Amino acid sequence: MANKEELGQLITLEQGKPLKEVIGEVNYEAAFIEYSAEEAKRVYGDIIPSPLADRRLLVLKQVWNKAYW
């Protein structure tokens, strides 16, 4: 991650944590965000038959209410 030092310094100033600890947190959160973004690529929708001949129903599966902590 390109800006981890700057983010680490900002968080250190805000929270008073040691810089080394904060850099670890920044790396962890960046990896978590990257993981979630990659999982979003695997969300697919399905088209199912409609009772009306001129319509289609699309079921879109989404990641919803995922806890980020």
PDB file of N, CA and C in Angstrom:
ATOM      1  N   MET A   1       0.847  -1.179   0.000  1.00  0.00           N
ATOM      2  CA  MET A   1       0.000   0.000   0.000  1.00  0.00           C
ATOM      3  C   MET A   1       0.890   1.239   0.000  1.00  0.00           C
ATOM      4  N   ALA A   2       0.592   2.165  -0.870  1.00  0.00           N
ATOM      5  CA  ALA A   2       1.470   3.302  -1.114  1.00  0.00           C
ATOM      6  C   ALA A   2       1.506   4.315   0.028  1.00  0.00           C
ATOM      7  N   ASN A   3       0.391   4.559   0.675  1.00  0.00           N
ATOM      8  CA  ASN A   3       0.315   5.644   1.665  1.00  0.00           C
ATOM      9  C   ASN A   3       0.243   5.158   3.108  1.00  0.00           C
ATOM     10  N   LYS A   4       0.755   3.991   3.377  1.00  0.00           N
ATOM     11  CA  LYS A   4       0.602   3.451   4.733  1.00  0.00           C
ATOM     12  C   LYS A   4       1.344   4.276   5.784  1.00  0.00           C
ATOM     13  N   GLU A   5       2.481   4.867   5.426  1.00  0.00           N
ATOM     14  CA  GLU A   5       3.218   5.695   6.386  1.00  0.00           C
ATOM     15  C   GLU A   5       2.420   6.937   6.765  1.00  0.00           C
ATOM     16  N   GLU A   6       1.853   7.616   5.752  1.00  0.00           N
ATOM     17  CA  GLU A   6       1.067   8.824   6.031  1.00  0.00           C
ATOM     18  C   GLU A   6      -0.181   8.496   6.853  1.00  0.00           C
ATOM     19  N   LEU A   7      -0.862   7.413   6.465  1.00  0.00           N
ATOM     20  CA  LEU A   7      -2.039   7.000   7.242  1.00  0.00           C
ATOM     21  C   LEU A   7      -1.645   6.628   8.663  1.00  0.00           C
ATOM     22  N   GLY A   8      -0.532   5.932   8.793  1.00  0.00           N
ATOM     23  CA  GLY A   8      -0.045   5.558  10.122  1.00  0.00           C
ATOM     24  C   GLY A   8       0.254   6.768  10.990  1.00  0.00           C
ATOM     25  N   GLN A   9       0.858   7.781  10.421  1.00  0.00           N
ATOM     26  CA  GLN A   9       1.163   8.989  11.192  1.00  0.00           C
ATOM     27  C   GLN A   9      -0.108   9.711  11.607  1.00  0.00           C
ATOM     28  N   LEU A  10      -1.093   9.773  10.704  1.00  0.00           N
ATOM     29  CA  LEU A  10      -2.365  10.414  11.067  1.00  0.00           C
ATOM     30  C   LEU A  10      -3.060   9.676  12.207  1.00  0.00           C
ATOM     31  N   ILE A  11      -3.110   8.371  12.104  1.00  0.00           N
ATOM     32  CA  ILE A  11      -3.773   7.587  13.153  1.00  0.00           C
ATOM     33  C   ILE A  11      -3.010   7.693  14.463  1.00  0.00           C
ATOM     34  N   THR A  12      -1.696   7.712  14.388  1.00  0.00           N
ATOM     35  CA  THR A  12      -0.881   7.870  15.602  1.00  0.00           C
ATOM     36  C   THR A  12      -1.181   9.205  16.274  1.00  0.00           C
ATOM     37  N   LEU A  13      -1.289  10.260  15.498  1.00  0.00           N
ATOM     38  CA  LEU A  13      -1.611  11.573  16.061  1.00  0.00           C
ATOM     39  C   LEU A  13      -3.013  11.595  16.664  1.00  0.00           C
ATOM     40  N   GLU A  14      -3.959  10.930  16.021  1.00  0.00           N
ATOM     41  CA  GLU A  14      -5.339  10.918  16.514  1.00  0.00           C
ATOM     42  C   GLU A  14      -5.507  10.057  17.752  1.00  0.00           C
ATOM     43  N   GLN A  15      -4.880   8.857  17.758  1.00  0.00           N
ATOM     44  CA  GLN A  15      -5.171   7.885  18.798  1.00  0.00           C
ATOM     45  C   GLN A  15      -4.039   7.689  19.797  1.00  0.00           C
ATOM     46  N   GLY A  16      -2.857   8.163  19.462  1.00  0.00           N
ATOM     47  CA  GLY A  16      -1.734   8.017  20.370  1.00  0.00           C
ATOM     48  C   GLY A  16      -1.127   6.625  20.410  1.00  0.00           C
ATOM     49  N   LYS A  17      -1.444   5.793  19.430  1.00  0.00           N
ATOM     50  CA  LYS A  17      -0.881   4.448  19.387  1.00  0.00           C
ATOM     51  C   LYS A  17       0.535   4.496  18.816  1.00  0.00           C
ATOM     52  N   PRO A  18       1.348   3.504  19.113  1.00  0.00           N
ATOM     53  CA  PRO A  18       2.681   3.438  18.499  1.00  0.00           C
ATOM     54  C   PRO A  18       2.573   3.262  16.981  1.00  0.00           C
ATOM     55  N   LEU A  19       3.485   3.902  16.262  1.00  0.00           N
ATOM     56  CA  LEU A  19       3.449   3.884  14.804  1.00  0.00           C
ATOM     57  C   LEU A  19       3.531   2.461  14.248  1.00  0.00           C
ATOM     58  N   LYS A  20       4.378   1.628  14.828  1.00  0.00           N
ATOM     59  CA  LYS A  20       4.537   0.254  14.338  1.00  0.00           C
ATOM     60  C   LYS A  20       3.211  -0.517  14.440  1.00  0.00           C
ATOM     61  N   GLU A  21       2.501  -0.330  15.535  1.00  0.00           N
ATOM     62  CA  GLU A  21       1.205  -0.999  15.715  1.00  0.00           C
ATOM     63  C   GLU A  21       0.180  -0.505  14.697  1.00  0.00           C
ATOM     64  N   VAL A  22       0.174   0.797  14.478  1.00  0.00           N
ATOM     65  CA  VAL A  22      -0.785   1.390  13.554  1.00  0.00           C
ATOM     66  C   VAL A  22      -0.504   0.949  12.116  1.00  0.00           C
ATOM     67  N   ILE A  23       0.761   0.856  11.737  1.00  0.00           N
ATOM     68  CA  ILE A  23       1.107   0.393  10.391  1.00  0.00           C
ATOM     69  C   ILE A  23       0.575  -1.029  10.190  1.00  0.00           C
ATOM     70  N   GLY A  24       0.686  -1.858  11.215  1.00  0.00           N
ATOM     71  CA  GLY A  24       0.130  -3.210  11.138  1.00  0.00           C
ATOM     72  C   GLY A  24      -1.373  -3.190  10.943  1.00  0.00           C
ATOM     73  N   GLU A  25      -2.068  -2.282  11.631  1.00  0.00           N
ATOM     74  CA  GLU A  25      -3.516  -2.161  11.482  1.00  0.00           C
ATOM     75  C   GLU A  25      -3.884  -1.688  10.077  1.00  0.00           C
ATOM     76  N   VAL A  26      -3.128  -0.739   9.550  1.00  0.00           N
ATOM     77  CA  VAL A  26      -3.383  -0.229   8.201  1.00  0.00           C
ATOM     78  C   VAL A  26      -3.205  -1.354   7.180  1.00  0.00           C
ATOM     79  N   ASN A  27      -2.144  -2.141   7.327  1.00  0.00           N
ATOM     80  CA  ASN A  27      -1.919  -3.266   6.414  1.00  0.00           C
ATOM     81  C   ASN A  27      -3.049  -4.289   6.504  1.00  0.00           C
ATOM     82  N   TYR A  28      -3.489  -4.581   7.717  1.00  0.00           N
ATOM     83  CA  TYR A  28      -4.578  -5.541   7.918  1.00  0.00           C
ATOM     84  C   TYR A  28      -5.858  -5.045   7.251  1.00  0.00           C
ATOM     85  N   GLU A  29      -6.208  -3.796   7.484  1.00  0.00           N
ATOM     86  CA  GLU A  29      -7.445  -3.250   6.914  1.00  0.00           C
ATOM     87  C   GLU A  29      -7.372  -3.175   5.396  1.00  0.00           C
ATOM     88  N   ALA A  30      -6.206  -2.834   4.860  1.00  0.00           N
ATOM     89  CA  ALA A  30      -6.057  -2.792   3.402  1.00  0.00           C
ATOM     90  C   ALA A  30      -6.254  -4.187   2.810  1.00  0.00           C
ATOM     91  N   ALA A  31      -5.713  -5.200   3.468  1.00  0.00           N
ATOM     92  CA  ALA A  31      -5.887  -6.575   2.992  1.00  0.00           C
ATOM     93  C   ALA A  31      -7.353  -6.992   3.083  1.00  0.00           C
ATOM     94  N   PHE A  32      -8.036  -6.568   4.140  1.00  0.00           N
ATOM     95  CA  PHE A  32      -9.443  -6.909   4.315  1.00  0.00           C
ATOM     96  C   PHE A  32     -10.298  -6.255   3.230  1.00  0.00           C
ATOM     97  N   ILE A  33     -10.008  -5.003   2.911  1.00  0.00           N
ATOM     98  CA  ILE A  33     -10.746  -4.296   1.860  1.00  0.00           C
ATOM     99  C   ILE A  33     -10.484  -4.952   0.501  1.00  0.00           C
ATOM    100  N   GLU A  34      -9.234  -5.325   0.256  1.00  0.00           N
ATOM    101  CA  GLU A  34      -8.908  -5.993  -1.006  1.00  0.00           C
ATOM    102  C   GLU A  34      -9.634  -7.332  -1.113  1.00  0.00           C
ATOM    103  N   TYR A  35      -9.680  -8.082  -0.022  1.00  0.00           N
ATOM    104  CA  TYR A  35     -10.389  -9.354  -0.010  1.00  0.00           C
ATOM    105  C   TYR A  35     -11.870  -9.148  -0.334  1.00  0.00           C
ATOM    106  N   SER A  36     -12.490  -8.160   0.307  1.00  0.00           N
ATOM    107  CA  SER A  36     -13.908  -7.897   0.078  1.00  0.00           C
ATOM    108  C   SER A  36     -14.162  -7.473  -1.361  1.00  0.00           C
ATOM    109  N   ALA A  37     -13.266  -6.657  -1.907  1.00  0.00           N
ATOM    110  CA  ALA A  37     -13.418  -6.220  -3.294  1.00  0.00           C
ATOM    111  C   ALA A  37     -13.292  -7.403  -4.253  1.00  0.00           C
ATOM    112  N   GLU A  38     -12.390  -8.312  -3.976  1.00  0.00           N
ATOM    113  CA  GLU A  38     -12.240  -9.491  -4.827  1.00  0.00           C
ATOM    114  C   GLU A  38     -13.457 -10.403  -4.719  1.00  0.00           C
ATOM    115  N   GLU A  39     -14.034 -10.517  -3.538  1.00  0.00           N
ATOM    116  CA  GLU A  39     -15.241 -11.333  -3.372  1.00  0.00           C
ATOM    117  C   GLU A  39     -16.416 -10.734  -4.130  1.00  0.00           C
ATOM    118  N   ALA A  40     -16.478  -9.415  -4.233  1.00  0.00           N
ATOM    119  CA  ALA A  40     -17.577  -8.762  -4.955  1.00  0.00           C
ATOM    120  C   ALA A  40     -17.579  -9.169  -6.423  1.00  0.00           C
ATOM    121  N   LYS A  41     -16.421  -9.519  -6.964  1.00  0.00           N
ATOM    122  CA  LYS A  41     -16.355  -9.965  -8.355  1.00  0.00           C
ATOM    123  C   LYS A  41     -17.082 -11.293  -8.551  1.00  0.00           C
ATOM    124  N   ARG A  42     -17.263 -12.048  -7.482  1.00  0.00           N
ATOM    125  CA  ARG A  42     -17.870 -13.365  -7.582  1.00  0.00           C
ATOM    126  C   ARG A  42     -19.369 -13.370  -7.276  1.00  0.00           C
ATOM    127  N   VAL A  43     -19.965 -12.198  -7.173  1.00  0.00           N
ATOM    128  CA  VAL A  43     -21.404 -12.098  -6.937  1.00  0.00           C
ATOM    129  C   VAL A  43     -22.090 -12.128  -8.304  1.00  0.00           C
ATOM    130  N   TYR A  44     -22.903 -13.142  -8.527  1.00  0.00           N
ATOM    131  CA  TYR A  44     -23.547 -13.318  -9.825  1.00  0.00           C
ATOM    132  C   TYR A  44     -25.063 -13.201  -9.682  1.00  0.00           C
ATOM    133  N   GLY A  45     -25.715 -12.844 -10.750  1.00  0.00           N
ATOM    134  CA  GLY A  45     -27.179 -12.817 -10.779  1.00  0.00           C
ATOM    135  C   GLY A  45     -27.696 -13.950 -11.647  1.00  0.00           C
ATOM    136  N   ASP A  46     -28.911 -14.346 -11.406  1.00  0.00           N
ATOM    137  CA  ASP A  46     -29.556 -15.397 -12.191  1.00  0.00           C
ATOM    138  C   ASP A  46     -30.825 -14.840 -12.814  1.00  0.00           C
ATOM    139  N   ILE A  47     -31.120 -15.261 -14.027  1.00  0.00           N
ATOM    140  CA  ILE A  47     -32.379 -14.899 -14.677  1.00  0.00           C
ATOM    141  C   ILE A  47     -33.300 -16.102 -14.556  1.00  0.00           C
ATOM    142  N   ILE A  48     -34.487 -15.859 -13.998  1.00  0.00           N
ATOM    143  CA  ILE A  48     -35.437 -16.943 -13.781  1.00  0.00           C
ATOM    144  C   ILE A  48     -36.704 -16.677 -14.606  1.00  0.00           C
ATOM    145  N   PRO A  49     -37.452 -17.712 -14.923  1.00  0.00           N
ATOM    146  CA  PRO A  49     -38.663 -17.521 -15.725  1.00  0.00           C
ATOM    147  C   PRO A  49     -39.691 -16.645 -14.998  1.00  0.00           C
ATOM    148  N   SER A  50     -40.394 -15.839 -15.775  1.00  0.00           N
ATOM    149  CA  SER A  50     -41.437 -14.976 -15.230  1.00  0.00           C
ATOM    150  C   SER A  50     -42.796 -15.537 -15.619  1.00  0.00           C
ATOM    151  N   PRO A  51     -43.814 -15.293 -14.819  1.00  0.00           N
ATOM    152  CA  PRO A  51     -45.158 -15.720 -15.227  1.00  0.00           C
ATOM    153  C   PRO A  51     -45.668 -14.955 -16.448  1.00  0.00           C
ATOM    154  N   LEU A  52     -45.082 -13.800 -16.727  1.00  0.00           N
ATOM    155  CA  LEU A  52     -45.468 -13.007 -17.900  1.00  0.00           C
ATOM    156  C   LEU A  52     -44.466 -13.258 -19.024  1.00  0.00           C
ATOM    157  N   ALA A  53     -44.938 -13.522 -20.204  1.00  0.00           N
ATOM    158  CA  ALA A  53     -44.080 -13.916 -21.326  1.00  0.00           C
ATOM    159  C   ALA A  53     -43.117 -12.813 -21.756  1.00  0.00           C
ATOM    160  N   ASP A  54     -43.514 -11.564 -21.600  1.00  0.00           N
ATOM    161  CA  ASP A  54     -42.674 -10.465 -22.071  1.00  0.00           C
ATOM    162  C   ASP A  54     -41.762  -9.883 -20.978  1.00  0.00           C
ATOM    163  N   ARG A  55     -41.618 -10.570 -19.860  1.00  0.00           N
ATOM    164  CA  ARG A  55     -40.804 -10.070 -18.744  1.00  0.00           C
ATOM    165  C   ARG A  55     -39.784 -11.120 -18.311  1.00  0.00           C
ATOM    166  N   ARG A  56     -38.707 -10.639 -17.712  1.00  0.00           N
ATOM    167  CA  ARG A  56     -37.726 -11.529 -17.102  1.00  0.00           C
ATOM    168  C   ARG A  56     -37.483 -11.054 -15.675  1.00  0.00           C
ATOM    169  N   LEU A  57     -37.170 -11.958 -14.803  1.00  0.00           N
ATOM    170  CA  LEU A  57     -36.843 -11.626 -13.424  1.00  0.00           C
ATOM    171  C   LEU A  57     -35.350 -11.868 -13.214  1.00  0.00           C
ATOM    172  N   LEU A  58     -34.687 -10.888 -12.660  1.00  0.00           N
ATOM    173  CA  LEU A  58     -33.256 -11.002 -12.391  1.00  0.00           C
ATOM    174  C   LEU A  58     -33.058 -11.060 -10.884  1.00  0.00           C
ATOM    175  N   VAL A  59     -32.385 -12.095 -10.435  1.00  0.00           N
ATOM    176  CA  VAL A  59     -32.041 -12.222  -9.020  1.00  0.00           C
ATOM    177  C   VAL A  59     -30.585 -11.799  -8.892  1.00  0.00           C
ATOM    178  N   LEU A  60     -30.349 -10.758  -8.142  1.00  0.00           N
ATOM    179  CA  LEU A  60     -29.001 -10.250  -7.948  1.00  0.00           C
ATOM    180  C   LEU A  60     -28.564 -10.556  -6.522  1.00  0.00           C
ATOM    181  N   LYS A  61     -27.504 -11.315  -6.407  1.00  0.00           N
ATOM    182  CA  LYS A  61     -26.977 -11.680  -5.094  1.00  0.00           C
ATOM    183  C   LYS A  61     -25.924 -10.657  -4.705  1.00  0.00           C
ATOM    184  N   GLN A  62     -26.076 -10.063  -3.533  1.00  0.00           N
ATOM    185  CA  GLN A  62     -25.152  -9.023  -3.088  1.00  0.00           C
ATOM    186  C   GLN A  62     -24.633  -9.339  -1.698  1.00  0.00           C
ATOM    187  N   VAL A  63     -23.400  -8.909  -1.460  1.00  0.00           N
ATOM    188  CA  VAL A  63     -22.866  -8.966  -0.102  1.00  0.00           C
ATOM    189  C   VAL A  63     -23.525  -7.816   0.646  1.00  0.00           C
ATOM    190  N   TRP A  64     -24.205  -8.137   1.741  1.00  0.00           N
ATOM    191  CA  TRP A  64     -24.964  -7.124   2.446  1.00  0.00           C
ATOM    192  C   TRP A  64     -24.701  -7.245   3.939  1.00  0.00           C
ATOM    193  N   ASN A  65     -24.561  -6.124   4.576  1.00  0.00           N
ATOM    194  CA  ASN A  65     -24.432  -6.045   6.021  1.00  0.00           C
ATOM    195  C   ASN A  65     -23.225  -6.827   6.527  1.00  0.00           C
ATOM    196  N   LYS A  66     -22.140  -6.721   5.822  1.00  0.00           N
ATOM    197  CA  LYS A  66     -20.907  -7.418   6.243  1.00  0.00           C
ATOM    198  C   LYS A  66     -20.223  -6.563   7.294  1.00  0.00           C
ATOM    199  N   ALA A  67     -19.873  -7.188   8.368  1.00  0.00           N
ATOM    200  CA  ALA A  67     -19.208  -6.466   9.459  1.00  0.00           C
ATOM    201  C   ALA A  67     -17.743  -6.180   9.095  1.00  0.00           C
ATOM    202  N   TYR A  68     -17.323  -4.948   9.262  1.00  0.00           N
ATOM    203  CA  TYR A  68     -15.941  -4.543   9.046  1.00  0.00           C
ATOM    204  C   TYR A  68     -15.379  -4.068  10.375  1.00  0.00           C
ATOM    205  N   TRP A  69     -14.565  -4.921  10.948  1.00  0.00           N
ATOM    206  CA  TRP A  69     -13.904  -4.529  12.186  1.00  0.00           C
ATOM    207  C   TRP A  69     -12.626  -5.218  12.367  1.00  0.00           C
TER     208      TRP A  69
END
